[in-house]
Amino acid sequence: SDVVSALRETYTAAELADVCQQSDDIHYHVDLKALQQLQLLTLGVTHIGVSMQCTCCTPTDFYSHRRNGTARGTHAAMISLGDVQ
């Protein structure tokens, strides 16, 4: 897969062990939360909060393309590098 090839160019096999799992001869499962955490750690971010909520499994709180298809809403996130006034 193109995605897995790009990841292998950037990260070691040990770093990808918990991020990318091959499910059959041509398909892979990429844990997006784990990948985002790896990317942040690589950039030097040390205080990372990872939500255990699933956007697909929690319809009252989140829209999900996997669950709803094209009928969706919007998501927003904020990252702060310092004090927020």
N, C-alpha and C. Protein backbone atom coordinates (compact mmCIF):
# COMPACT_ATOMS: atom_id res chain seq x y z
N SER A 1 0.84 -1.18 0.00
CA SER A 1 0.00 0.00 0.00
C SER A 1 0.88 1.24 0.00
N ASP A 2 0.41 2.30 -0.64
CA ASP A 2 1.17 3.55 -0.71
C ASP A 2 1.34 4.17 0.67
N VAL A 3 0.30 4.08 1.51
CA VAL A 3 0.37 4.66 2.85
C VAL A 3 1.43 3.94 3.68
N VAL A 4 1.42 2.62 3.64
CA VAL A 4 2.38 1.84 4.42
C VAL A 4 3.80 2.08 3.91
N SER A 5 3.96 2.18 2.61
CA SER A 5 5.29 2.48 2.05
C SER A 5 5.81 3.82 2.55
N ALA A 6 4.95 4.82 2.57
CA ALA A 6 5.35 6.14 3.07
C ALA A 6 5.70 6.09 4.54
N LEU A 7 4.93 5.34 5.32
CA LEU A 7 5.24 5.20 6.75
C LEU A 7 6.58 4.51 6.95
N ARG A 8 6.86 3.50 6.16
CA ARG A 8 8.14 2.78 6.28
C ARG A 8 9.33 3.64 5.92
N GLU A 9 9.13 4.66 5.07
CA GLU A 9 10.21 5.59 4.74
C GLU A 9 10.51 6.54 5.89
N THR A 10 9.53 6.74 6.76
CA THR A 10 9.65 7.72 7.83
C THR A 10 9.98 7.10 9.18
N TYR A 11 9.43 5.90 9.46
CA TYR A 11 9.56 5.29 10.78
C TYR A 11 10.21 3.92 10.69
N THR A 12 10.81 3.49 11.78
CA THR A 12 11.43 2.17 11.84
C THR A 12 10.35 1.10 12.02
N ALA A 13 10.73 -0.16 11.76
CA ALA A 13 9.79 -1.27 11.94
C ALA A 13 9.34 -1.35 13.40
N ALA A 14 10.24 -1.08 14.32
CA ALA A 14 9.88 -1.12 15.75
C ALA A 14 8.86 -0.04 16.08
N GLU A 15 9.03 1.16 15.51
CA GLU A 15 8.08 2.25 15.76
C GLU A 15 6.70 1.93 15.18
N LEU A 16 6.68 1.24 14.05
CA LEU A 16 5.42 0.93 13.39
C LEU A 16 4.73 -0.33 13.92
N ALA A 17 5.39 -1.07 14.80
CA ALA A 17 4.84 -2.34 15.28
C ALA A 17 3.45 -2.18 15.88
N ASP A 18 3.20 -1.11 16.63
CA ASP A 18 1.90 -0.89 17.25
C ASP A 18 0.98 -0.02 16.41
N VAL A 19 1.47 0.46 15.28
CA VAL A 19 0.72 1.40 14.45
C VAL A 19 0.10 0.71 13.24
N CYS A 20 0.83 -0.19 12.62
CA CYS A 20 0.43 -0.75 11.33
C CYS A 20 0.47 -2.27 11.38
N GLN A 21 -0.68 -2.90 11.12
CA GLN A 21 -0.77 -4.36 11.13
C GLN A 21 -1.26 -4.83 9.76
N GLN A 22 -0.58 -5.82 9.20
CA GLN A 22 -1.02 -6.38 7.92
C GLN A 22 -2.16 -7.36 8.19
N SER A 23 -3.30 -7.17 7.50
CA SER A 23 -4.46 -8.02 7.75
C SER A 23 -4.58 -9.17 6.75
N ASP A 24 -4.00 -9.02 5.57
CA ASP A 24 -3.90 -10.11 4.59
C ASP A 24 -2.78 -9.74 3.62
N ASP A 25 -2.72 -10.39 2.47
CA ASP A 25 -1.61 -10.17 1.54
C ASP A 25 -1.48 -8.73 1.04
N ILE A 26 -2.59 -8.00 0.96
CA ILE A 26 -2.53 -6.65 0.38
C ILE A 26 -3.15 -5.57 1.26
N HIS A 27 -3.78 -5.94 2.37
CA HIS A 27 -4.47 -4.95 3.20
C HIS A 27 -3.77 -4.76 4.54
N TYR A 28 -3.86 -3.52 5.03
CA TYR A 28 -3.26 -3.16 6.31
C TYR A 28 -4.29 -2.43 7.15
N HIS A 29 -4.11 -2.51 8.46
CA HIS A 29 -4.90 -1.72 9.40
C HIS A 29 -3.92 -0.73 10.03
N VAL A 30 -4.22 0.56 9.91
CA VAL A 30 -3.38 1.59 10.53
C VAL A 30 -4.17 2.19 11.69
N ASP A 31 -3.61 2.10 12.87
CA ASP A 31 -4.23 2.68 14.07
C ASP A 31 -3.93 4.18 14.04
N LEU A 32 -4.92 4.97 13.66
CA LEU A 32 -4.70 6.41 13.48
C LEU A 32 -4.35 7.12 14.77
N LYS A 33 -4.94 6.69 15.89
CA LYS A 33 -4.57 7.31 17.18
C LYS A 33 -3.12 7.04 17.50
N ALA A 34 -2.69 5.81 17.30
CA ALA A 34 -1.29 5.45 17.58
C ALA A 34 -0.34 6.18 16.63
N LEU A 35 -0.75 6.33 15.37
CA LEU A 35 0.09 7.04 14.39
C LEU A 35 0.23 8.51 14.77
N GLN A 36 -0.88 9.14 15.16
CA GLN A 36 -0.81 10.54 15.56
C GLN A 36 0.07 10.71 16.80
N GLN A 37 -0.03 9.79 17.73
CA GLN A 37 0.81 9.85 18.93
C GLN A 37 2.29 9.70 18.55
N LEU A 38 2.59 8.76 17.66
CA LEU A 38 3.97 8.57 17.18
C LEU A 38 4.49 9.83 16.50
N GLN A 39 3.66 10.45 15.67
CA GLN A 39 4.08 11.67 14.98
C GLN A 39 4.38 12.79 15.98
N LEU A 40 3.53 12.94 16.99
CA LEU A 40 3.75 13.99 17.99
C LEU A 40 5.01 13.71 18.81
N LEU A 41 5.21 12.46 19.20
CA LEU A 41 6.41 12.09 19.96
C LEU A 41 7.67 12.36 19.14
N THR A 42 7.62 12.05 17.85
CA THR A 42 8.75 12.29 16.95
C THR A 42 9.08 13.78 16.86
N LEU A 43 8.05 14.61 16.98
CA LEU A 43 8.24 16.07 16.93
C LEU A 43 8.64 16.66 18.28
N GLY A 44 8.71 15.81 19.32
CA GLY A 44 9.16 16.28 20.62
C GLY A 44 8.04 16.62 21.59
N VAL A 45 6.80 16.39 21.21
CA VAL A 45 5.68 16.64 22.12
C VAL A 45 5.66 15.53 23.16
N THR A 46 5.64 15.89 24.42
CA THR A 46 5.72 14.86 25.47
C THR A 46 4.43 14.69 26.26
N HIS A 47 3.59 15.70 26.31
CA HIS A 47 2.32 15.61 27.05
C HIS A 47 1.19 15.42 26.03
N ILE A 48 0.77 14.18 25.85
CA ILE A 48 -0.22 13.85 24.84
C ILE A 48 -1.41 13.16 25.51
N GLY A 49 -2.58 13.69 25.29
CA GLY A 49 -3.80 13.06 25.79
C GLY A 49 -4.48 12.34 24.65
N VAL A 50 -4.81 11.07 24.85
CA VAL A 50 -5.45 10.27 23.81
C VAL A 50 -6.83 9.87 24.29
N SER A 51 -7.85 10.30 23.57
CA SER A 51 -9.23 9.96 23.93
C SER A 51 -9.52 8.51 23.57
N MET A 52 -10.22 7.84 24.44
CA MET A 52 -10.61 6.46 24.17
C MET A 52 -11.97 6.39 23.48
N GLN A 53 -12.60 7.54 23.26
CA GLN A 53 -13.90 7.56 22.59
C GLN A 53 -13.75 7.22 21.12
N CYS A 54 -14.74 6.53 20.60
CA CYS A 54 -14.78 6.14 19.19
C CYS A 54 -15.83 7.00 18.48
N THR A 55 -15.43 7.70 17.44
CA THR A 55 -16.38 8.55 16.73
C THR A 55 -17.47 7.74 16.06
N CYS A 56 -17.17 6.54 15.64
CA CYS A 56 -18.17 5.69 14.99
C CYS A 56 -19.14 5.08 16.00
N CYS A 57 -18.65 4.77 17.19
CA CYS A 57 -19.46 4.08 18.20
C CYS A 57 -20.27 5.01 19.09
N THR A 58 -20.08 6.33 18.98
CA THR A 58 -20.73 7.28 19.87
C THR A 58 -21.55 8.28 19.06
N PRO A 59 -22.70 7.86 18.52
CA PRO A 59 -23.46 8.74 17.63
C PRO A 59 -24.05 9.97 18.31
N THR A 60 -24.22 9.94 19.63
CA THR A 60 -24.77 11.11 20.31
C THR A 60 -23.75 12.23 20.46
N ASP A 61 -22.46 11.90 20.36
CA ASP A 61 -21.41 12.90 20.55
C ASP A 61 -20.67 13.29 19.27
N PHE A 62 -20.62 12.37 18.30
CA PHE A 62 -19.79 12.60 17.11
C PHE A 62 -20.51 12.24 15.83
N TYR A 63 -20.16 12.94 14.76
CA TYR A 63 -20.51 12.51 13.42
C TYR A 63 -19.43 11.53 12.99
N SER A 64 -19.77 10.59 12.12
CA SER A 64 -18.79 9.62 11.65
C SER A 64 -19.05 9.30 10.19
N HIS A 65 -18.05 9.50 9.37
CA HIS A 65 -18.18 9.14 7.95
C HIS A 65 -18.35 7.63 7.81
N ARG A 66 -17.64 6.86 8.64
CA ARG A 66 -17.79 5.39 8.58
C ARG A 66 -19.22 4.98 8.89
N ARG A 67 -19.85 5.65 9.82
CA ARG A 67 -21.20 5.29 10.23
C ARG A 67 -22.25 5.95 9.34
N ASN A 68 -22.10 7.24 9.03
CA ASN A 68 -23.14 8.01 8.36
C ASN A 68 -22.94 8.23 6.87
N GLY A 69 -21.80 7.87 6.34
CA GLY A 69 -21.54 8.13 4.93
C GLY A 69 -21.46 9.63 4.67
N THR A 70 -22.17 10.10 3.65
CA THR A 70 -22.06 11.52 3.29
C THR A 70 -22.91 12.43 4.16
N ALA A 71 -23.81 11.87 4.97
CA ALA A 71 -24.61 12.68 5.89
C ALA A 71 -23.79 12.93 7.14
N ARG A 72 -23.06 14.04 7.17
CA ARG A 72 -22.15 14.27 8.29
C ARG A 72 -22.15 15.71 8.75
N GLY A 73 -21.52 15.91 9.87
CA GLY A 73 -21.36 17.24 10.44
C GLY A 73 -19.91 17.65 10.36
N THR A 74 -19.44 18.34 11.38
CA THR A 74 -18.07 18.81 11.39
C THR A 74 -17.41 18.46 12.72
N HIS A 75 -16.11 18.39 12.70
CA HIS A 75 -15.29 18.17 13.89
C HIS A 75 -14.35 19.37 14.04
N ALA A 76 -13.90 19.60 15.23
CA ALA A 76 -12.92 20.66 15.46
C ALA A 76 -11.97 20.20 16.54
N ALA A 77 -10.74 20.67 16.48
CA ALA A 77 -9.74 20.35 17.48
C ALA A 77 -8.89 21.60 17.71
N MET A 78 -8.24 21.64 18.87
CA MET A 78 -7.38 22.77 19.18
C MET A 78 -6.11 22.27 19.83
N ILE A 79 -5.01 22.80 19.40
CA ILE A 79 -3.71 22.51 20.01
C ILE A 79 -3.16 23.84 20.50
N SER A 80 -2.71 23.86 21.74
CA SER A 80 -2.17 25.08 22.30
C SER A 80 -0.69 24.89 22.63
N LEU A 81 0.11 25.81 22.19
CA LEU A 81 1.53 25.82 22.52
C LEU A 81 1.78 26.98 23.47
N GLY A 82 1.37 26.81 24.70
CA GLY A 82 1.52 27.87 25.67
C GLY A 82 0.21 28.18 26.34
N ASP A 83 0.20 29.24 27.11
CA ASP A 83 -1.00 29.62 27.84
C ASP A 83 -2.07 30.17 26.90
N VAL A 84 -3.30 29.79 27.16
CA VAL A 84 -4.43 30.31 26.41
C VAL A 84 -5.05 31.42 27.25
N GLN A 85 -5.21 32.59 26.69
CA GLN A 85 -5.77 33.75 27.41
C GLN A 85 -7.26 33.79 27.25
